[in-house]
N, C-alpha and C. Protein backbone atom coordinates (compact mmCIF):
# COMPACT_ATOMS: atom_id res chain seq x y z
N UNK A 1 207.97 156.18 188.83
CA UNK A 1 208.91 156.36 187.78
C UNK A 1 209.08 157.82 187.40
N UNK A 2 209.97 158.03 186.52
CA UNK A 2 210.29 159.37 186.04
C UNK A 2 210.28 159.34 184.52
N UNK A 3 210.10 160.50 183.91
CA UNK A 3 210.21 160.56 182.46
C UNK A 3 211.68 160.51 182.07
N UNK A 4 211.96 160.55 180.79
CA UNK A 4 213.32 160.32 180.32
C UNK A 4 214.17 161.59 180.35
N UNK A 5 215.47 161.40 180.18
CA UNK A 5 216.38 162.54 180.09
C UNK A 5 216.08 163.39 178.86
N UNK A 6 215.57 162.79 177.79
CA UNK A 6 215.21 163.56 176.60
C UNK A 6 214.09 164.54 176.94
N UNK A 7 213.12 164.09 177.73
CA UNK A 7 212.03 164.98 178.16
C UNK A 7 212.58 166.09 179.03
N UNK A 8 213.45 165.76 179.97
CA UNK A 8 214.07 166.78 180.81
C UNK A 8 214.78 167.83 179.97
N UNK A 9 215.54 167.39 178.98
CA UNK A 9 216.30 168.32 178.16
C UNK A 9 215.37 169.17 177.29
N UNK A 10 214.26 168.61 176.85
CA UNK A 10 213.28 169.40 176.10
C UNK A 10 212.66 170.46 177.02
N UNK A 11 212.40 170.09 178.27
CA UNK A 11 211.86 171.06 179.24
C UNK A 11 212.87 172.19 179.46
N UNK A 12 214.15 171.86 179.52
CA UNK A 12 215.17 172.91 179.65
C UNK A 12 215.08 173.90 178.50
N UNK A 13 214.84 173.40 177.30
CA UNK A 13 214.68 174.29 176.14
C UNK A 13 213.44 175.16 176.29
N UNK A 14 212.35 174.55 176.75
CA UNK A 14 211.12 175.31 176.92
C UNK A 14 211.24 176.39 177.98
N UNK A 15 212.15 176.20 178.93
CA UNK A 15 212.34 177.19 179.99
C UNK A 15 213.25 178.34 179.57
N UNK A 16 213.88 178.23 178.41
CA UNK A 16 214.77 179.28 177.95
C UNK A 16 213.97 180.53 177.58
N UNK A 17 214.44 181.71 177.94
CA UNK A 17 213.68 182.95 177.70
C UNK A 17 213.26 183.17 176.24
N UNK A 18 214.09 182.84 175.26
CA UNK A 18 213.69 183.04 173.87
C UNK A 18 212.47 182.19 173.54
N UNK A 19 212.48 180.94 173.99
CA UNK A 19 211.32 180.10 173.72
C UNK A 19 210.11 180.56 174.50
N UNK A 20 210.30 180.90 175.78
CA UNK A 20 209.16 181.33 176.58
C UNK A 20 208.49 182.55 175.99
N UNK A 21 209.27 183.54 175.56
CA UNK A 21 208.68 184.74 174.99
C UNK A 21 208.05 184.45 173.64
N UNK A 22 208.57 183.47 172.92
CA UNK A 22 208.07 183.17 171.59
C UNK A 22 206.88 182.22 171.59
N UNK A 23 206.74 181.39 172.63
CA UNK A 23 205.66 180.41 172.63
C UNK A 23 204.29 181.08 172.66
N UNK A 24 204.13 182.16 173.43
CA UNK A 24 202.83 182.83 173.43
C UNK A 24 202.56 183.45 172.06
N UNK A 25 203.60 183.96 171.41
CA UNK A 25 203.44 184.50 170.06
C UNK A 25 203.12 183.38 169.08
N UNK A 26 203.73 182.23 169.29
CA UNK A 26 203.47 181.07 168.44
C UNK A 26 202.01 180.65 168.58
N UNK A 27 201.53 180.59 169.81
CA UNK A 27 200.14 180.20 170.04
C UNK A 27 199.21 181.18 169.34
N UNK A 28 199.48 182.48 169.48
CA UNK A 28 198.65 183.48 168.83
C UNK A 28 198.70 183.35 167.31
N UNK A 29 199.89 183.02 166.78
CA UNK A 29 200.03 182.89 165.33
C UNK A 29 199.32 181.66 164.80
N UNK A 30 199.34 180.56 165.57
CA UNK A 30 198.72 179.31 165.11
C UNK A 30 197.23 179.29 165.41
N UNK A 31 196.85 179.68 166.62
CA UNK A 31 195.47 179.56 167.06
C UNK A 31 194.74 180.90 167.05
N UNK A 32 195.43 181.94 167.48
CA UNK A 32 194.80 183.24 167.67
C UNK A 32 194.71 184.06 166.40
N UNK A 33 194.70 185.36 166.57
CA UNK A 33 194.46 186.26 165.46
C UNK A 33 195.70 186.95 164.92
N UNK A 34 196.72 187.15 165.76
CA UNK A 34 197.85 187.95 165.29
C UNK A 34 198.98 187.07 164.75
N UNK A 35 199.79 187.62 163.90
CA UNK A 35 200.92 186.91 163.31
C UNK A 35 202.07 186.84 164.28
N UNK A 36 202.91 185.82 164.15
CA UNK A 36 204.09 185.69 165.00
C UNK A 36 205.07 186.81 164.74
N UNK A 37 205.75 187.24 165.78
CA UNK A 37 206.71 188.34 165.67
C UNK A 37 208.10 187.76 165.82
N UNK A 38 208.72 187.41 164.71
CA UNK A 38 210.03 186.80 164.76
C UNK A 38 211.10 187.85 164.55
N UNK A 39 212.11 187.79 165.35
CA UNK A 39 213.19 188.75 165.25
C UNK A 39 214.41 188.05 164.69
N UNK A 40 214.81 188.45 163.50
CA UNK A 40 215.92 187.81 162.81
C UNK A 40 217.20 187.85 163.64
N UNK A 41 217.41 188.92 164.42
CA UNK A 41 218.64 189.07 165.17
C UNK A 41 218.70 188.24 166.44
N UNK A 42 217.53 187.79 166.93
CA UNK A 42 217.52 187.02 168.16
C UNK A 42 218.05 185.62 167.90
N UNK A 43 218.99 185.18 168.70
CA UNK A 43 219.57 183.86 168.52
C UNK A 43 219.67 183.18 169.87
N UNK A 44 219.42 181.93 169.86
CA UNK A 44 219.54 181.16 171.07
C UNK A 44 220.99 181.18 171.53
N UNK A 45 221.21 181.45 172.79
CA UNK A 45 222.56 181.48 173.34
C UNK A 45 222.95 180.05 173.73
N UNK A 46 223.65 179.40 172.84
CA UNK A 46 223.95 177.98 173.03
C UNK A 46 224.88 177.75 174.22
N UNK A 47 225.77 178.69 174.52
CA UNK A 47 226.64 178.54 175.71
C UNK A 47 225.80 178.61 176.99
N UNK A 48 224.77 179.44 176.98
CA UNK A 48 223.88 179.51 178.14
C UNK A 48 223.12 178.20 178.30
N UNK A 49 222.67 177.64 177.17
CA UNK A 49 222.01 176.34 177.23
C UNK A 49 222.98 175.28 177.77
N UNK A 50 224.23 175.33 177.36
CA UNK A 50 225.23 174.36 177.82
C UNK A 50 225.35 174.42 179.35
N UNK A 51 225.40 175.62 179.90
CA UNK A 51 225.50 175.77 181.36
C UNK A 51 224.25 175.24 182.05
N UNK A 52 223.11 175.51 181.45
CA UNK A 52 221.84 175.00 182.00
C UNK A 52 221.83 173.48 181.97
N UNK A 53 222.29 172.91 180.87
CA UNK A 53 222.34 171.45 180.73
C UNK A 53 223.30 170.84 181.76
N UNK A 54 224.42 171.50 182.00
CA UNK A 54 225.38 171.00 183.00
C UNK A 54 224.76 171.04 184.40
N UNK A 55 224.07 172.13 184.73
CA UNK A 55 223.40 172.21 186.04
C UNK A 55 222.37 171.11 186.19
N UNK A 56 221.60 170.89 185.13
CA UNK A 56 220.59 169.83 185.18
C UNK A 56 221.25 168.46 185.38
N UNK A 57 222.34 168.20 184.66
CA UNK A 57 223.02 166.91 184.78
C UNK A 57 223.50 166.68 186.22
N UNK A 58 223.95 167.74 186.86
CA UNK A 58 224.43 167.63 188.24
C UNK A 58 223.30 167.51 189.25
N UNK A 59 222.21 168.27 189.04
CA UNK A 59 221.16 168.37 190.06
C UNK A 59 219.79 167.89 189.64
N UNK A 60 219.56 167.73 188.34
CA UNK A 60 218.21 167.39 187.87
C UNK A 60 217.27 168.54 188.14
N UNK A 61 215.99 168.24 188.27
CA UNK A 61 215.00 169.24 188.68
C UNK A 61 214.77 169.03 190.16
N UNK A 62 215.49 169.80 190.95
CA UNK A 62 215.47 169.62 192.41
C UNK A 62 214.07 169.79 192.99
N UNK A 63 213.27 170.70 192.41
CA UNK A 63 211.95 170.96 192.95
C UNK A 63 210.99 169.79 192.82
N UNK A 64 211.34 168.77 192.04
CA UNK A 64 210.50 167.57 191.97
C UNK A 64 211.25 166.34 192.50
N UNK A 65 212.32 166.60 193.25
CA UNK A 65 213.01 165.52 193.94
C UNK A 65 214.11 164.82 193.17
N UNK A 66 214.49 165.33 192.02
CA UNK A 66 215.59 164.70 191.27
C UNK A 66 216.90 164.84 192.05
N UNK A 67 217.75 163.86 191.90
CA UNK A 67 219.09 163.89 192.49
C UNK A 67 220.14 164.26 191.44
N UNK A 68 219.75 164.35 190.22
CA UNK A 68 220.64 164.64 189.10
C UNK A 68 219.96 164.23 187.82
N UNK A 69 220.56 164.56 186.70
CA UNK A 69 220.01 164.14 185.42
C UNK A 69 220.12 162.64 185.28
N UNK A 70 219.01 161.96 185.15
CA UNK A 70 218.99 160.51 185.06
C UNK A 70 218.91 160.04 183.62
N UNK A 71 219.62 159.00 183.27
CA UNK A 71 219.50 158.38 181.96
C UNK A 71 220.24 159.08 180.83
N UNK A 72 221.20 159.90 181.16
CA UNK A 72 221.94 160.63 180.12
C UNK A 72 222.67 159.64 179.22
N UNK A 73 222.48 159.80 177.92
CA UNK A 73 223.13 158.92 176.97
C UNK A 73 224.63 159.16 176.91
N UNK A 74 225.34 158.22 176.32
CA UNK A 74 226.80 158.30 176.29
C UNK A 74 227.30 159.50 175.48
N UNK A 75 226.59 159.88 174.41
CA UNK A 75 227.04 161.02 173.60
C UNK A 75 226.94 162.31 174.41
N UNK A 76 225.78 162.56 174.99
CA UNK A 76 225.60 163.78 175.79
C UNK A 76 226.54 163.77 176.99
N UNK A 77 226.69 162.62 177.64
CA UNK A 77 227.59 162.54 178.81
C UNK A 77 229.03 162.89 178.42
N UNK A 78 229.48 162.37 177.28
CA UNK A 78 230.85 162.66 176.84
C UNK A 78 231.02 164.14 176.52
N UNK A 79 230.01 164.74 175.90
CA UNK A 79 230.09 166.17 175.57
C UNK A 79 230.06 167.00 176.86
N UNK A 80 229.21 166.63 177.80
CA UNK A 80 229.13 167.35 179.08
C UNK A 80 230.47 167.33 179.83
N UNK A 81 231.20 166.23 179.72
CA UNK A 81 232.49 166.11 180.43
C UNK A 81 233.62 166.87 179.73
N UNK A 82 233.41 167.26 178.49
CA UNK A 82 234.46 167.93 177.73
C UNK A 82 234.76 169.29 178.37
N UNK A 83 236.05 169.64 178.53
CA UNK A 83 236.40 170.91 179.20
C UNK A 83 235.91 172.18 178.49
N UNK A 84 235.63 172.11 177.20
CA UNK A 84 235.17 173.30 176.47
C UNK A 84 233.65 173.47 176.48
N UNK A 85 232.93 172.48 176.99
CA UNK A 85 231.48 172.47 176.82
C UNK A 85 230.79 173.72 177.36
N UNK A 86 231.17 174.20 178.51
CA UNK A 86 230.45 175.34 179.11
C UNK A 86 230.64 176.65 178.34
N UNK A 87 231.68 176.76 177.56
CA UNK A 87 231.93 178.01 176.83
C UNK A 87 231.85 177.84 175.31
N UNK A 88 232.21 176.65 174.81
CA UNK A 88 232.19 176.38 173.37
C UNK A 88 231.58 175.01 173.10
N UNK A 89 230.27 174.90 173.33
CA UNK A 89 229.64 173.58 173.20
C UNK A 89 229.75 172.96 171.81
N UNK A 90 229.70 173.77 170.76
CA UNK A 90 229.83 173.21 169.41
C UNK A 90 231.20 172.56 169.22
N UNK A 91 232.23 173.22 169.69
CA UNK A 91 233.58 172.67 169.56
C UNK A 91 233.72 171.40 170.39
N UNK A 92 233.17 171.41 171.59
CA UNK A 92 233.22 170.22 172.44
C UNK A 92 232.52 169.05 171.75
N UNK A 93 231.33 169.31 171.21
CA UNK A 93 230.58 168.25 170.53
C UNK A 93 231.31 167.76 169.28
N UNK A 94 231.95 168.69 168.56
CA UNK A 94 232.72 168.30 167.36
C UNK A 94 233.86 167.37 167.74
N UNK A 95 234.59 167.71 168.80
CA UNK A 95 235.72 166.87 169.22
C UNK A 95 235.26 165.50 169.69
N UNK A 96 234.15 165.45 170.41
CA UNK A 96 233.61 164.16 170.85
C UNK A 96 233.19 163.33 169.64
N UNK A 97 232.58 163.98 168.66
CA UNK A 97 232.14 163.29 167.44
C UNK A 97 233.33 162.72 166.67
N UNK A 98 234.38 163.52 166.53
CA UNK A 98 235.58 163.05 165.82
C UNK A 98 236.23 161.88 166.54
N UNK A 99 236.29 161.95 167.85
CA UNK A 99 236.89 160.87 168.64
C UNK A 99 236.08 159.58 168.52
N UNK A 100 234.76 159.71 168.39
CA UNK A 100 233.89 158.53 168.28
C UNK A 100 233.99 157.85 166.92
N UNK A 101 234.56 158.51 165.94
CA UNK A 101 234.78 157.95 164.61
C UNK A 101 233.52 157.33 164.00
N UNK A 102 232.43 158.11 164.04
CA UNK A 102 231.19 157.65 163.41
C UNK A 102 230.33 156.73 164.24
N UNK A 103 230.69 156.51 165.49
CA UNK A 103 229.91 155.62 166.35
C UNK A 103 229.02 156.38 167.34
N UNK A 104 228.83 157.69 167.12
CA UNK A 104 228.08 158.49 168.09
C UNK A 104 226.93 159.24 167.45
N UNK A 105 226.07 158.54 166.73
CA UNK A 105 224.92 159.18 166.10
C UNK A 105 223.65 158.88 166.89
N UNK A 106 223.65 159.30 168.14
CA UNK A 106 222.52 159.04 169.03
C UNK A 106 221.31 159.91 168.66
N UNK A 107 220.15 159.58 169.22
CA UNK A 107 218.92 160.30 168.86
C UNK A 107 218.55 161.41 169.84
N UNK A 108 219.37 161.70 170.82
CA UNK A 108 219.04 162.71 171.83
C UNK A 108 218.74 164.09 171.27
N UNK A 109 219.45 164.49 170.24
CA UNK A 109 219.21 165.81 169.67
C UNK A 109 217.84 165.88 169.00
N UNK A 110 217.42 164.80 168.36
CA UNK A 110 216.10 164.78 167.72
C UNK A 110 215.02 164.89 168.79
N UNK A 111 215.17 164.14 169.86
CA UNK A 111 214.18 164.17 170.93
C UNK A 111 214.09 165.55 171.55
N UNK A 112 215.22 166.13 171.79
CA UNK A 112 215.29 167.40 172.51
C UNK A 112 214.86 168.57 171.63
N UNK A 113 215.28 168.60 170.40
CA UNK A 113 215.06 169.80 169.58
C UNK A 113 213.73 169.78 168.83
N UNK A 114 212.88 168.80 169.11
CA UNK A 114 211.58 168.80 168.44
C UNK A 114 210.77 170.05 168.80
N UNK A 115 211.08 170.70 169.92
CA UNK A 115 210.40 171.92 170.31
C UNK A 115 210.95 173.15 169.58
N UNK A 116 212.08 173.03 168.95
CA UNK A 116 212.74 174.22 168.42
C UNK A 116 212.01 174.87 167.26
N UNK A 117 211.06 174.20 166.65
CA UNK A 117 210.31 174.80 165.55
C UNK A 117 209.09 175.58 166.04
N UNK A 118 208.71 175.39 167.26
CA UNK A 118 207.47 175.99 167.74
C UNK A 118 207.39 177.51 167.63
N UNK A 119 208.42 178.25 168.01
CA UNK A 119 208.23 179.70 168.01
C UNK A 119 208.35 180.37 166.65
N UNK A 120 208.69 179.64 165.61
CA UNK A 120 208.99 180.28 164.34
C UNK A 120 208.06 179.81 163.23
N UNK A 121 207.44 180.76 162.53
CA UNK A 121 206.68 180.39 161.34
C UNK A 121 207.59 180.38 160.12
N UNK A 122 208.75 180.98 160.23
CA UNK A 122 209.71 181.01 159.14
C UNK A 122 210.54 179.73 159.16
N UNK A 123 210.54 179.01 158.05
CA UNK A 123 211.29 177.77 157.96
C UNK A 123 212.78 178.02 158.17
N UNK A 124 213.32 179.08 157.60
CA UNK A 124 214.76 179.33 157.72
C UNK A 124 215.16 179.62 159.17
N UNK A 125 214.35 180.38 159.92
CA UNK A 125 214.66 180.63 161.32
C UNK A 125 214.55 179.35 162.15
N UNK A 126 213.53 178.57 161.86
CA UNK A 126 213.34 177.31 162.58
C UNK A 126 214.53 176.38 162.37
N UNK A 127 214.97 176.25 161.12
CA UNK A 127 216.08 175.35 160.83
C UNK A 127 217.40 175.87 161.40
N UNK A 128 217.59 177.17 161.37
CA UNK A 128 218.81 177.75 161.95
C UNK A 128 218.87 177.46 163.45
N UNK A 129 217.78 177.68 164.12
CA UNK A 129 217.67 177.45 165.56
C UNK A 129 217.90 175.97 165.88
N UNK A 130 217.24 175.09 165.15
CA UNK A 130 217.37 173.64 165.36
C UNK A 130 218.80 173.17 165.13
N UNK A 131 219.41 173.68 164.07
CA UNK A 131 220.79 173.33 163.72
C UNK A 131 221.74 173.72 164.86
N UNK A 132 221.60 174.93 165.35
CA UNK A 132 222.44 175.44 166.44
C UNK A 132 222.29 174.58 167.69
N UNK A 133 221.07 174.23 168.04
CA UNK A 133 220.84 173.41 169.23
C UNK A 133 221.39 172.00 169.06
N UNK A 134 221.21 171.43 167.90
CA UNK A 134 221.71 170.08 167.65
C UNK A 134 223.22 170.02 167.83
N UNK A 135 223.90 170.98 167.23
CA UNK A 135 225.37 170.98 167.27
C UNK A 135 225.92 171.16 168.68
N UNK A 136 225.09 171.61 169.61
CA UNK A 136 225.59 171.81 170.97
C UNK A 136 225.95 170.49 171.65
N UNK A 137 225.37 169.38 171.20
CA UNK A 137 225.71 168.08 171.80
C UNK A 137 225.91 166.97 170.77
N UNK A 138 225.35 167.12 169.59
CA UNK A 138 225.38 166.05 168.58
C UNK A 138 225.90 166.62 167.26
N UNK A 139 227.18 166.46 167.02
CA UNK A 139 227.83 167.05 165.85
C UNK A 139 227.81 166.14 164.63
N UNK A 140 227.48 164.88 164.81
CA UNK A 140 227.45 163.92 163.71
C UNK A 140 226.42 164.37 162.67
N UNK A 141 226.79 164.28 161.38
CA UNK A 141 225.91 164.75 160.31
C UNK A 141 224.58 164.00 160.27
N UNK A 142 224.57 162.74 160.70
CA UNK A 142 223.31 161.99 160.73
C UNK A 142 222.35 162.59 161.75
N UNK A 143 222.90 163.04 162.87
CA UNK A 143 222.08 163.70 163.89
C UNK A 143 221.54 165.02 163.35
N UNK A 144 222.41 165.79 162.74
CA UNK A 144 222.01 167.08 162.18
C UNK A 144 220.92 166.89 161.14
N UNK A 145 221.10 165.93 160.24
CA UNK A 145 220.11 165.70 159.18
C UNK A 145 218.75 165.31 159.77
N UNK A 146 218.75 164.46 160.79
CA UNK A 146 217.47 164.04 161.37
C UNK A 146 216.79 165.19 162.11
N UNK A 147 217.56 166.02 162.79
CA UNK A 147 217.00 167.19 163.47
C UNK A 147 216.40 168.16 162.45
N UNK A 148 217.11 168.43 161.38
CA UNK A 148 216.60 169.36 160.37
C UNK A 148 215.37 168.80 159.67
N UNK A 149 215.34 167.50 159.43
CA UNK A 149 214.16 166.89 158.80
C UNK A 149 212.93 167.02 159.70
N UNK A 150 213.09 166.70 160.99
CA UNK A 150 211.96 166.79 161.92
C UNK A 150 211.52 168.24 162.10
N UNK A 151 212.46 169.14 162.26
CA UNK A 151 212.11 170.55 162.44
C UNK A 151 211.40 171.11 161.21
N UNK A 152 211.85 170.71 160.04
CA UNK A 152 211.20 171.14 158.80
C UNK A 152 209.77 170.63 158.75
N UNK A 153 209.58 169.38 159.10
CA UNK A 153 208.24 168.78 159.09
C UNK A 153 207.32 169.51 160.07
N UNK A 154 207.80 169.74 161.28
CA UNK A 154 206.99 170.44 162.29
C UNK A 154 206.62 171.83 161.80
N UNK A 155 207.58 172.54 161.26
CA UNK A 155 207.34 173.89 160.76
C UNK A 155 206.30 173.87 159.63
N UNK A 156 206.38 172.88 158.75
CA UNK A 156 205.42 172.79 157.64
C UNK A 156 204.01 172.45 158.16
N UNK A 157 203.92 171.59 159.15
CA UNK A 157 202.61 171.25 159.73
C UNK A 157 202.00 172.50 160.38
N UNK A 158 202.81 173.23 161.13
CA UNK A 158 202.31 174.47 161.76
C UNK A 158 201.86 175.48 160.70
N UNK A 159 202.58 175.56 159.62
CA UNK A 159 202.21 176.46 158.53
C UNK A 159 200.88 176.03 157.92
N UNK A 160 200.69 174.73 157.75
CA UNK A 160 199.42 174.21 157.22
C UNK A 160 198.27 174.54 158.17
N UNK A 161 198.48 174.39 159.46
CA UNK A 161 197.44 174.71 160.45
C UNK A 161 197.09 176.19 160.36
N UNK A 162 198.10 177.03 160.22
CA UNK A 162 197.84 178.48 160.07
C UNK A 162 196.98 178.76 158.83
N UNK A 163 197.27 178.04 157.74
CA UNK A 163 196.50 178.28 156.51
C UNK A 163 195.06 177.82 156.67
N UNK A 164 194.82 176.76 157.44
CA UNK A 164 193.45 176.29 157.67
C UNK A 164 192.63 177.30 158.45
N UNK A 165 193.29 178.04 159.29
CA UNK A 165 192.60 179.03 160.12
C UNK A 165 191.83 180.02 159.26
N UNK A 166 192.30 180.30 158.07
CA UNK A 166 191.65 181.30 157.22
C UNK A 166 190.57 180.71 156.31
N UNK A 167 190.44 179.38 156.27
CA UNK A 167 189.44 178.75 155.40
C UNK A 167 188.10 178.62 156.13
N UNK A 168 187.00 178.93 155.46
CA UNK A 168 185.70 178.70 156.10
C UNK A 168 185.40 177.20 156.13
N UNK A 169 184.91 176.72 157.25
CA UNK A 169 184.57 175.30 157.38
C UNK A 169 183.09 175.09 157.09
N UNK A 170 182.77 174.05 156.36
CA UNK A 170 181.35 173.77 156.09
C UNK A 170 180.59 173.54 157.41
N UNK A 171 179.30 173.88 157.39
CA UNK A 171 178.46 173.77 158.58
C UNK A 171 178.45 172.33 159.12
N UNK A 172 178.36 171.33 158.24
CA UNK A 172 178.31 169.94 158.68
C UNK A 172 179.60 169.53 159.39
N UNK A 173 180.74 170.00 158.87
CA UNK A 173 182.01 169.68 159.51
C UNK A 173 182.08 170.29 160.90
N UNK A 174 181.62 171.52 161.04
CA UNK A 174 181.60 172.16 162.36
C UNK A 174 180.71 171.38 163.33
N UNK A 175 179.56 170.93 162.83
CA UNK A 175 178.65 170.14 163.67
C UNK A 175 179.31 168.82 164.10
N UNK A 176 180.01 168.15 163.17
CA UNK A 176 180.70 166.90 163.51
C UNK A 176 181.79 167.16 164.54
N UNK A 177 182.54 168.24 164.38
CA UNK A 177 183.58 168.57 165.35
C UNK A 177 182.99 168.82 166.72
N UNK A 178 181.84 169.51 166.77
CA UNK A 178 181.18 169.77 168.05
C UNK A 178 180.71 168.47 168.70
N UNK A 179 180.11 167.57 167.90
CA UNK A 179 179.66 166.28 168.42
C UNK A 179 180.83 165.43 168.92
N UNK A 180 181.93 165.40 168.16
CA UNK A 180 183.07 164.59 168.60
C UNK A 180 183.70 165.17 169.86
N UNK A 181 183.72 166.49 169.97
CA UNK A 181 184.23 167.13 171.19
C UNK A 181 183.33 166.77 172.37
N UNK A 182 182.01 166.84 172.19
CA UNK A 182 181.07 166.50 173.25
C UNK A 182 181.23 165.04 173.66
N UNK A 183 181.39 164.15 172.69
CA UNK A 183 181.58 162.73 172.99
C UNK A 183 182.88 162.52 173.75
N UNK A 184 183.95 163.22 173.33
CA UNK A 184 185.23 163.12 174.02
C UNK A 184 185.14 163.58 175.46
N UNK A 185 184.43 164.68 175.70
CA UNK A 185 184.24 165.17 177.07
C UNK A 185 183.42 164.19 177.89
N UNK A 186 182.42 163.57 177.27
CA UNK A 186 181.59 162.58 177.96
C UNK A 186 182.42 161.37 178.35
N UNK A 187 183.31 160.92 177.46
CA UNK A 187 184.16 159.77 177.75
C UNK A 187 185.16 160.06 178.86
N UNK A 188 185.60 161.32 178.95
CA UNK A 188 186.57 161.68 179.98
C UNK A 188 185.95 161.87 181.36
N UNK A 189 184.64 162.10 181.41
CA UNK A 189 184.02 162.36 182.72
C UNK A 189 183.65 161.09 183.45
């Protein structure tokens, strides 16, 4: 079997240069010692993502034997077929949404954009990025609201993890964590 089209589309996002350069900074900000370096002026190029998504729909991930994007939902498929999609994805998605008359509130944008909060510790940057990505294929307000809610939650959880990094942990808790890690490794071997 193969994973879903939502997973494929999330991988496409992870392969984008802005995310790739930001993920190592995100890891350092959440786990490591240095703070994330967010650049207010950097913006995801949604037209570039649209072209990448179109290539994937046609060919899939050729290096793992895909023949094309499998399992594409009707909303994404309709947006991909729109003549404006490769240059103006937001407009293409808006027109598809209007034509659907409220019947196109699919969950693909939520599945795909769950990664969009990873590189940003700033809630406003995370939500801006998520909003932009959502609108590239899912213009319905219900889709936008669900994407923003999930992105906000992820960003808040990451912020909480960052705050824990600075708190001293009691000796007993550290010992329990070490024992549970050792037990987990024993179960996996």
